[in-house]
Amino acid sequence: MDRRGLRSALSAAGVPDGYYRIEGVHEPAPTPPDFLFLRRAPDGTWETGAYERGVYDVFARHPDEATACRHLHHLLV
């Protein structure tokens, strides 16, 4: 699964848009006060985690996009 597939899967599962942010695919505006995220790290790995009170908390780093997508899907569904 890639980021676009993840977005489709979360939408089909009824996960509200404000619960998550997927870099480059789903970036809600205005930015919710807290949400789960998937983003590419500066070193090229992928990160999943939570944004709360203005702070990004990385739960896990993943070697590839597919693994990160599966993790965020697991967290939300």
N, C-alpha and C. Protein backbone atom coordinates (compact mmCIF):
# COMPACT_ATOMS: atom_id res chain seq x y z
N MET A 1 0.85 -1.17 0.00
CA MET A 1 0.00 0.00 0.00
C MET A 1 0.90 1.24 0.00
N ASP A 2 0.55 2.23 -0.82
CA ASP A 2 1.26 3.50 -0.81
C ASP A 2 0.38 4.55 -0.13
N ARG A 3 0.85 5.79 -0.09
CA ARG A 3 0.11 6.85 0.61
C ARG A 3 -1.27 7.10 0.01
N ARG A 4 -1.39 7.07 -1.30
CA ARG A 4 -2.70 7.29 -1.93
C ARG A 4 -3.66 6.14 -1.62
N GLY A 5 -3.14 4.93 -1.64
CA GLY A 5 -3.95 3.78 -1.28
C GLY A 5 -4.38 3.83 0.18
N LEU A 6 -3.49 4.29 1.03
CA LEU A 6 -3.82 4.44 2.44
C LEU A 6 -4.94 5.45 2.62
N ARG A 7 -4.85 6.57 1.94
CA ARG A 7 -5.89 7.60 2.02
C ARG A 7 -7.23 7.01 1.61
N SER A 8 -7.26 6.27 0.53
CA SER A 8 -8.50 5.64 0.06
C SER A 8 -9.03 4.64 1.08
N ALA A 9 -8.15 3.84 1.64
CA ALA A 9 -8.56 2.83 2.62
C ALA A 9 -9.13 3.47 3.88
N LEU A 10 -8.50 4.54 4.34
CA LEU A 10 -9.00 5.22 5.55
C LEU A 10 -10.34 5.88 5.28
N SER A 11 -10.49 6.47 4.12
CA SER A 11 -11.76 7.08 3.74
C SER A 11 -12.86 6.02 3.68
N ALA A 12 -12.56 4.89 3.03
CA ALA A 12 -13.54 3.81 2.92
C ALA A 12 -13.92 3.24 4.29
N ALA A 13 -12.99 3.27 5.23
CA ALA A 13 -13.25 2.76 6.59
C ALA A 13 -14.01 3.78 7.45
N GLY A 14 -14.20 4.98 6.92
CA GLY A 14 -14.95 6.00 7.66
C GLY A 14 -14.14 6.77 8.68
N VAL A 15 -12.83 6.74 8.58
CA VAL A 15 -11.98 7.48 9.51
C VAL A 15 -12.10 8.98 9.17
N PRO A 16 -12.50 9.81 10.13
CA PRO A 16 -12.65 11.24 9.86
C PRO A 16 -11.36 11.89 9.37
N ASP A 17 -11.49 12.82 8.43
CA ASP A 17 -10.34 13.50 7.82
C ASP A 17 -9.42 14.17 8.83
N GLY A 18 -9.95 14.71 9.90
CA GLY A 18 -9.15 15.43 10.87
C GLY A 18 -8.33 14.56 11.80
N TYR A 19 -8.47 13.25 11.71
CA TYR A 19 -7.75 12.34 12.60
C TYR A 19 -6.33 12.06 12.15
N TYR A 20 -5.99 12.41 10.90
CA TYR A 20 -4.68 12.03 10.37
C TYR A 20 -4.19 13.00 9.31
N ARG A 21 -2.87 12.95 9.08
CA ARG A 21 -2.20 13.74 8.04
C ARG A 21 -1.23 12.80 7.34
N ILE A 22 -1.32 12.76 6.01
CA ILE A 22 -0.41 11.95 5.20
C ILE A 22 0.33 12.92 4.30
N GLU A 23 1.61 13.07 4.55
CA GLU A 23 2.42 14.05 3.82
C GLU A 23 2.24 13.92 2.31
N GLY A 24 1.91 15.05 1.68
CA GLY A 24 1.78 15.11 0.24
C GLY A 24 0.49 14.54 -0.33
N VAL A 25 -0.35 13.95 0.51
CA VAL A 25 -1.57 13.32 0.02
C VAL A 25 -2.81 13.86 0.73
N HIS A 26 -2.74 13.95 2.05
CA HIS A 26 -3.88 14.42 2.84
C HIS A 26 -3.36 15.33 3.96
N GLU A 27 -3.54 16.63 3.77
CA GLU A 27 -3.06 17.61 4.74
C GLU A 27 -4.23 18.54 5.06
N PRO A 28 -5.05 18.18 6.06
CA PRO A 28 -6.26 18.94 6.36
C PRO A 28 -5.97 20.41 6.68
N ALA A 29 -6.87 21.27 6.21
CA ALA A 29 -6.76 22.70 6.52
C ALA A 29 -8.14 23.17 6.99
N PRO A 30 -8.19 23.88 8.09
CA PRO A 30 -7.06 24.24 8.94
C PRO A 30 -6.50 23.00 9.66
N THR A 31 -5.27 23.13 10.09
CA THR A 31 -4.60 22.02 10.78
C THR A 31 -5.32 21.71 12.09
N PRO A 32 -5.73 20.46 12.30
CA PRO A 32 -6.36 20.07 13.56
C PRO A 32 -5.38 20.22 14.73
N PRO A 33 -5.88 20.35 15.95
CA PRO A 33 -4.99 20.51 17.11
C PRO A 33 -4.20 19.24 17.44
N ASP A 34 -4.73 18.08 17.04
CA ASP A 34 -3.99 16.84 17.25
C ASP A 34 -4.42 15.83 16.18
N PHE A 35 -3.48 14.99 15.77
CA PHE A 35 -3.74 14.01 14.72
C PHE A 35 -2.59 13.02 14.66
N LEU A 36 -2.82 11.89 14.00
CA LEU A 36 -1.75 10.94 13.70
C LEU A 36 -1.17 11.31 12.35
N PHE A 37 0.10 11.00 12.13
CA PHE A 37 0.73 11.41 10.88
C PHE A 37 1.62 10.34 10.29
N LEU A 38 1.87 10.50 8.99
CA LEU A 38 2.84 9.72 8.24
C LEU A 38 3.63 10.72 7.42
N ARG A 39 4.94 10.70 7.53
CA ARG A 39 5.78 11.64 6.80
C ARG A 39 7.14 11.02 6.49
N ARG A 40 7.79 11.60 5.51
CA ARG A 40 9.15 11.17 5.15
C ARG A 40 10.14 11.94 6.03
N ALA A 41 11.09 11.23 6.62
CA ALA A 41 12.11 11.84 7.46
C ALA A 41 13.25 12.37 6.58
N PRO A 42 14.04 13.30 7.10
CA PRO A 42 15.16 13.85 6.33
C PRO A 42 16.15 12.79 5.84
N ASP A 43 16.27 11.67 6.55
CA ASP A 43 17.22 10.62 6.14
C ASP A 43 16.63 9.64 5.13
N GLY A 44 15.39 9.89 4.68
CA GLY A 44 14.76 9.05 3.68
C GLY A 44 13.89 7.93 4.22
N THR A 45 13.92 7.70 5.53
CA THR A 45 13.02 6.71 6.12
C THR A 45 11.64 7.35 6.26
N TRP A 46 10.69 6.60 6.75
CA TRP A 46 9.33 7.09 6.95
C TRP A 46 9.00 7.05 8.44
N GLU A 47 8.22 8.03 8.89
CA GLU A 47 7.85 8.13 10.30
C GLU A 47 6.33 8.12 10.45
N THR A 48 5.88 7.46 11.51
CA THR A 48 4.50 7.55 11.94
C THR A 48 4.50 8.03 13.38
N GLY A 49 3.46 8.77 13.74
CA GLY A 49 3.39 9.27 15.10
C GLY A 49 2.18 10.14 15.33
N ALA A 50 2.25 10.94 16.37
CA ALA A 50 1.14 11.82 16.75
C ALA A 50 1.63 13.25 16.88
N TYR A 51 0.75 14.16 16.52
CA TYR A 51 0.99 15.59 16.70
C TYR A 51 0.00 16.05 17.76
N GLU A 52 0.51 16.59 18.85
CA GLU A 52 -0.33 17.08 19.93
C GLU A 52 0.30 18.33 20.53
N ARG A 53 -0.55 19.34 20.71
CA ARG A 53 -0.12 20.59 21.35
C ARG A 53 1.14 21.17 20.71
N GLY A 54 1.21 21.10 19.37
CA GLY A 54 2.32 21.71 18.65
C GLY A 54 3.59 20.90 18.61
N VAL A 55 3.53 19.64 19.07
CA VAL A 55 4.73 18.80 19.13
C VAL A 55 4.50 17.51 18.35
N TYR A 56 5.45 17.17 17.46
CA TYR A 56 5.42 15.90 16.75
C TYR A 56 6.11 14.84 17.60
N ASP A 57 5.41 13.74 17.89
CA ASP A 57 5.96 12.63 18.66
C ASP A 57 6.04 11.42 17.72
N VAL A 58 7.22 11.04 17.32
CA VAL A 58 7.41 9.92 16.40
C VAL A 58 7.29 8.62 17.19
N PHE A 59 6.34 7.77 16.77
CA PHE A 59 6.16 6.46 17.39
C PHE A 59 7.12 5.44 16.80
N ALA A 60 7.30 5.51 15.47
CA ALA A 60 8.12 4.50 14.80
C ALA A 60 8.73 5.06 13.53
N ARG A 61 9.89 4.51 13.17
CA ARG A 61 10.55 4.81 11.89
C ARG A 61 10.49 3.54 11.05
N HIS A 62 10.24 3.72 9.76
CA HIS A 62 10.04 2.58 8.87
C HIS A 62 10.98 2.69 7.68
N PRO A 63 11.45 1.55 7.16
CA PRO A 63 12.40 1.57 6.05
C PRO A 63 11.77 1.95 4.71
N ASP A 64 10.43 1.79 4.60
CA ASP A 64 9.79 2.09 3.32
C ASP A 64 8.37 2.61 3.54
N GLU A 65 7.83 3.18 2.48
CA GLU A 65 6.50 3.79 2.51
C GLU A 65 5.42 2.76 2.83
N ALA A 66 5.49 1.58 2.23
CA ALA A 66 4.47 0.56 2.43
C ALA A 66 4.36 0.14 3.90
N THR A 67 5.48 -0.04 4.56
CA THR A 67 5.48 -0.43 5.97
C THR A 67 4.89 0.68 6.83
N ALA A 68 5.24 1.92 6.54
CA ALA A 68 4.70 3.06 7.28
C ALA A 68 3.20 3.18 7.08
N CYS A 69 2.74 2.96 5.86
CA CYS A 69 1.31 3.02 5.57
C CYS A 69 0.54 1.96 6.34
N ARG A 70 1.07 0.75 6.36
CA ARG A 70 0.42 -0.33 7.12
C ARG A 70 0.34 0.03 8.60
N HIS A 71 1.40 0.65 9.13
CA HIS A 71 1.39 1.00 10.56
C HIS A 71 0.33 2.06 10.85
N LEU A 72 0.27 3.12 10.03
CA LEU A 72 -0.74 4.15 10.28
C LEU A 72 -2.15 3.58 10.13
N HIS A 73 -2.34 2.72 9.15
CA HIS A 73 -3.64 2.08 8.97
C HIS A 73 -4.01 1.29 10.21
N HIS A 74 -3.08 0.54 10.75
CA HIS A 74 -3.31 -0.22 11.98
C HIS A 74 -3.69 0.69 13.14
N LEU A 75 -3.06 1.83 13.24
CA LEU A 75 -3.35 2.77 14.34
C LEU A 75 -4.74 3.38 14.24
N LEU A 76 -5.24 3.55 13.01
CA LEU A 76 -6.49 4.26 12.81
C LEU A 76 -7.73 3.39 12.61
N VAL A 77 -7.54 2.15 12.19
CA VAL A 77 -8.71 1.31 11.87
C VAL A 77 -8.86 0.20 12.89
